[in-house]
Every structure is written in structure tokens, then in C-alpha cells.
Amino acid sequence: MIKDSDFIKNPKVPGPTKEEIRCILLCKSEVSEEDVVVDIGCGTGGLTVEFAKKAKKVYSIDLNPLATQTTQENVNKHQVKNKVEVIQADGLEALEDLEEFDVLMIGGSSGKLPQLIKKGYKKLNKNGRILVTSILLETATEAISTFKELSLKSEVVNIMISKGTPGQRGTMMYSNNPITVVITEKL
């Protein structure tokens, strides 16, 4: 895993996804060297880079030009540009042009989560996985509801990470925002 401090950041772009969260997402995605991954709402590209180190190909998509620029910088820095295509576009439009894939990671949806899940599900290979990360309870609920509508079983994982900062009397633990991950598989 790459340390958070090793990523190029942009104050106007969310991310990178914290190291511990990236680790759990890679594990839950079950990504392999044969897989094609689509990362919608890529932000600074932390997950894109981590997926590229394990997958065959990654399509990294964001509507924000600053996000795609920062993602491309991180892709170049971590030497995975031969496995990544960075696309500045609306996720729904970008999905139109993609072939089938094995993992769909949705970190940002611009309010179009149900449509992204449904369109992505159609292009998802058998045994493919969809992961939705959420800092809002409503987003997690929307993902669960959409999976249910597609007759898919959801796995829901709420992740809370705290890190310690040494002080005079001991170590003070500081919590990061909890992240809820909703995961499904196409059987």
C-alpha cells in the first residue's frame, strides 16, 4: 500500500482515500491481474493507482478537470500510466463507451448513483463486483435500495479509523470520518 503522504494532493479535490480504507476496498473488490476496473469519481486517484498495481486495466473517471489532472499526476508519479486511462466525463456518459469490466468502484456520483449502478451492472462481467463508498448515510441507503431493486444482495461495511498522536501524558486518538461501503456481486 502507498502511504497517504506519497500522493499528490489538490486542496480543491477530495482525496486521496485514506490508506486503511484503500486497503479494505482492494480486499473487498477481490481485484486480480485479469480484471478491468472502472473507478467513477476518482478524485485524486488514490484508488485508481492502487487498483492499477493489481489489475489488468483501470478506467479512472471524474467530471472535475482538477480531479482528472491530479489523478493523471498520481498515475504518472506511481508509474502505472500503461494500465490506466483517465477520462474527464460524466460517469454515465463514460460508461456508454466502455466494454465489459470486472469491478465498478463508485466514489462519487454527482447525484446519479442509481443510474450509475444500473448502467454499470449491465456492463459488469459475471462474478463482477460493485463497491460504493459513502460518507453520507443517504448514499449508502440509496446504494442498498438500488441493489435490492436489481435483486442483488448487499454487504454493508462501516469503517471507522482512528489514528494516534503522541502527547505529554499519552497518545490521543483522533477519528477520521466513518466510511460506509456497500458491496455486491453479479452472479
Protein backbone atom coordinates (compact mmCIF):
# COMPACT_ATOMS: atom_id res chain seq x y z
CA MET A 1 0.00 0.00 0.00
CA ILE A 2 1.09 3.50 -0.80
CA LYS A 3 1.28 5.94 2.11
CA ASP A 4 -1.19 8.85 2.01
CA SER A 5 1.74 11.28 2.09
CA ASP A 6 3.11 9.80 -1.16
CA PHE A 7 0.16 11.05 -3.21
CA ILE A 8 -0.03 14.41 -4.94
CA LYS A 9 -2.96 16.32 -3.47
CA ASN A 10 -5.07 19.24 -4.61
CA PRO A 11 -6.97 21.26 -1.97
CA LYS A 12 -9.91 21.59 -4.38
CA VAL A 13 -10.20 17.82 -4.96
CA PRO A 14 -11.23 15.19 -2.40
CA GLY A 15 -8.73 12.51 -1.54
CA PRO A 16 -6.81 10.51 -1.61
CA THR A 17 -8.98 7.88 0.02
CA LYS A 18 -7.20 7.08 3.28
CA GLU A 19 -4.67 4.23 3.21
CA GLU A 20 -6.62 1.93 5.55
CA ILE A 21 -9.81 2.42 3.52
CA ARG A 22 -7.95 1.72 0.25
CA CYS A 23 -6.63 -1.48 1.80
CA ILE A 24 -10.11 -2.68 2.76
CA LEU A 25 -11.57 -1.72 -0.63
CA LEU A 26 -8.88 -3.62 -2.51
CA CYS A 27 -9.56 -6.66 -0.35
CA LYS A 28 -13.34 -6.43 -0.73
CA SER A 29 -13.08 -5.88 -4.50
CA GLU A 30 -11.14 -9.13 -4.87
CA VAL A 31 -9.33 -7.45 -7.78
CA SER A 32 -6.94 -9.66 -9.74
CA GLU A 33 -4.40 -9.18 -12.52
CA GLU A 34 -7.06 -10.31 -15.04
CA ASP A 35 -9.58 -7.65 -14.02
CA VAL A 36 -10.68 -4.45 -15.69
CA VAL A 37 -11.69 -1.82 -13.12
CA VAL A 38 -13.83 1.30 -13.55
CA ASP A 39 -13.28 3.98 -10.89
CA ILE A 40 -16.04 6.62 -11.07
CA GLY A 41 -15.47 9.75 -9.01
CA CYS A 42 -11.73 9.11 -8.88
CA GLY A 43 -10.84 12.33 -7.02
CA THR A 44 -7.04 12.47 -6.69
CA GLY A 45 -6.64 8.91 -7.95
CA GLY A 46 -5.57 7.08 -4.80
CA LEU A 47 -7.78 4.08 -5.54
CA THR A 48 -7.02 4.25 -9.25
CA VAL A 49 -3.30 3.87 -8.56
CA GLU A 50 -3.80 1.06 -6.05
CA PHE A 51 -6.13 -0.81 -8.41
CA ALA A 52 -3.67 -0.34 -11.29
CA LYS A 53 -0.94 -2.05 -9.28
CA LYS A 54 -3.11 -5.19 -9.15
CA ALA A 55 -5.49 -5.09 -12.17
CA LYS A 56 -5.06 -5.51 -15.90
CA LYS A 57 -6.61 -2.09 -16.73
CA VAL A 58 -8.26 0.80 -14.89
CA TYR A 59 -10.59 3.44 -16.31
CA SER A 60 -10.46 6.42 -13.97
CA ILE A 61 -13.39 8.80 -14.42
CA ASP A 62 -14.28 12.17 -12.92
CA LEU A 63 -16.30 15.15 -14.12
CA ASN A 64 -13.97 17.62 -12.39
CA PRO A 65 -10.98 18.59 -14.60
CA LEU A 66 -8.86 19.28 -11.49
CA ALA A 67 -9.57 15.71 -10.30
CA THR A 68 -8.57 14.11 -13.59
CA GLN A 69 -5.46 16.29 -13.75
CA THR A 70 -4.44 15.30 -10.21
CA THR A 71 -5.24 11.65 -10.90
CA GLN A 72 -3.05 11.74 -14.03
CA GLU A 73 -0.22 13.27 -11.98
CA ASN A 74 -0.52 10.45 -9.42
CA VAL A 75 -0.73 7.82 -12.15
CA ASN A 76 2.49 9.20 -13.66
CA LYS A 77 4.23 9.52 -10.28
CA HIS A 78 3.46 5.92 -9.32
CA GLN A 79 4.39 4.58 -12.76
CA VAL A 80 1.10 2.89 -13.71
CA LYS A 81 0.21 5.00 -16.76
CA ASN A 82 0.42 1.98 -19.06
CA LYS A 83 -2.52 0.43 -17.15
CA VAL A 84 -4.72 3.50 -16.61
CA GLU A 85 -6.91 5.60 -18.86
CA VAL A 86 -8.04 8.83 -17.17
CA ILE A 87 -11.33 10.15 -18.54
CA GLN A 88 -12.81 13.56 -17.79
CA ALA A 89 -16.53 12.99 -18.26
CA ASP A 90 -19.82 12.38 -16.58
CA GLY A 91 -19.77 8.79 -15.28
CA LEU A 92 -22.97 7.82 -17.15
CA GLU A 93 -21.59 9.08 -20.45
CA ALA A 94 -18.23 7.40 -19.90
CA LEU A 95 -19.88 4.05 -19.16
CA GLU A 96 -21.53 4.17 -22.61
CA ASP A 97 -18.17 3.89 -24.36
CA LEU A 98 -16.61 1.19 -22.16
CA GLU A 99 -16.53 -2.53 -22.84
CA GLU A 100 -17.47 -5.01 -20.13
CA PHE A 101 -15.48 -4.87 -16.88
CA ASP A 102 -15.00 -6.76 -13.62
CA VAL A 103 -15.01 -4.17 -10.83
CA LEU A 104 -17.05 -0.97 -10.61
CA MET A 105 -15.89 1.40 -7.87
CA ILE A 106 -18.19 4.39 -7.29
CA GLY A 107 -16.71 7.04 -5.03
CA GLY A 108 -18.64 9.99 -6.41
CA SER A 109 -21.88 10.02 -8.35
CA SER A 110 -22.93 13.66 -8.80
CA GLY A 111 -26.40 12.63 -7.56
CA LYS A 112 -26.77 9.88 -10.19
CA LEU A 113 -25.97 6.82 -8.08
CA PRO A 114 -28.95 4.62 -9.05
CA GLN A 115 -28.39 5.30 -12.76
CA LEU A 116 -24.64 4.61 -12.45
CA ILE A 117 -25.26 1.33 -10.64
CA LYS A 118 -27.87 0.17 -13.16
CA LYS A 119 -25.82 1.11 -16.21
CA GLY A 120 -22.65 -0.31 -14.67
CA TYR A 121 -24.42 -3.54 -13.72
CA LYS A 122 -25.34 -4.14 -17.38
CA LYS A 123 -21.67 -3.97 -18.39
CA LEU A 124 -20.38 -5.91 -15.39
CA ASN A 125 -18.99 -9.37 -16.16
CA LYS A 126 -20.36 -12.41 -14.34
CA ASN A 127 -18.91 -12.55 -10.80
CA GLY A 128 -18.04 -8.86 -11.15
CA ARG A 129 -18.24 -6.63 -8.10
CA ILE A 130 -19.69 -3.19 -7.44
CA LEU A 131 -18.41 -1.15 -4.50
CA VAL A 132 -19.96 2.15 -3.43
CA THR A 133 -18.21 4.31 -0.83
CA SER A 134 -20.26 6.76 1.14
CA ILE A 135 -19.68 9.42 3.75
CA LEU A 136 -23.44 10.14 3.80
CA LEU A 137 -25.94 7.63 5.19
CA GLU A 138 -28.35 8.57 2.41
CA THR A 139 -25.85 7.49 -0.25
CA ALA A 140 -25.38 4.09 1.40
CA THR A 141 -29.16 3.69 1.69
CA GLU A 142 -29.57 4.63 -1.97
CA ALA A 143 -26.98 2.00 -2.99
CA ILE A 144 -28.66 -0.69 -0.89
CA SER A 145 -32.06 0.20 -2.33
CA THR A 146 -30.75 0.12 -5.92
CA PHE A 147 -29.04 -3.24 -5.38
CA LYS A 148 -32.29 -4.58 -3.92
CA GLU A 149 -34.20 -3.30 -6.96
CA LEU A 150 -31.77 -5.30 -9.13
CA SER A 151 -32.36 -8.38 -6.90
CA LEU A 152 -28.77 -8.20 -5.64
CA LYS A 153 -27.65 -8.96 -2.11
CA SER A 154 -25.73 -6.18 -0.36
CA GLU A 155 -22.84 -6.41 2.01
CA VAL A 156 -22.57 -3.27 4.11
CA VAL A 157 -19.37 -2.40 5.95
CA ASN A 158 -18.99 0.69 8.12
CA ILE A 159 -15.35 1.62 8.64
CA MET A 160 -14.10 3.92 11.37
CA ILE A 161 -10.39 4.64 11.51
CA SER A 162 -8.67 6.49 14.32
CA LYS A 163 -5.01 7.45 14.45
CA GLY A 164 -2.96 8.32 17.49
CA THR A 165 -0.98 11.48 18.13
CA PRO A 166 1.56 11.30 20.97
CA GLY A 167 1.18 13.92 23.67
CA GLN A 168 2.83 14.63 27.03
CA ARG A 169 0.71 12.17 29.02
CA GLY A 170 -0.02 9.63 26.31
CA THR A 171 -1.44 9.06 22.87
CA MET A 172 -4.61 10.91 21.87
CA MET A 173 -6.74 9.11 19.30
CA TYR A 174 -8.29 11.22 16.51
CA SER A 175 -11.07 9.76 14.41
CA ASN A 176 -11.44 10.21 10.66
CA ASN A 177 -14.88 10.40 9.07
CA PRO A 178 -16.55 6.99 9.03
CA ILE A 179 -16.99 5.49 5.58
CA THR A 180 -19.78 3.09 4.66
CA VAL A 181 -19.05 0.69 1.84
CA VAL A 182 -21.88 -1.13 0.08
CA ILE A 183 -20.75 -4.11 -1.98
CA THR A 184 -22.49 -6.56 -4.30
CA GLU A 185 -21.58 -9.23 -6.82
CA LYS A 186 -23.15 -10.15 -10.16
CA LEU A 187 -23.86 -13.87 -10.04
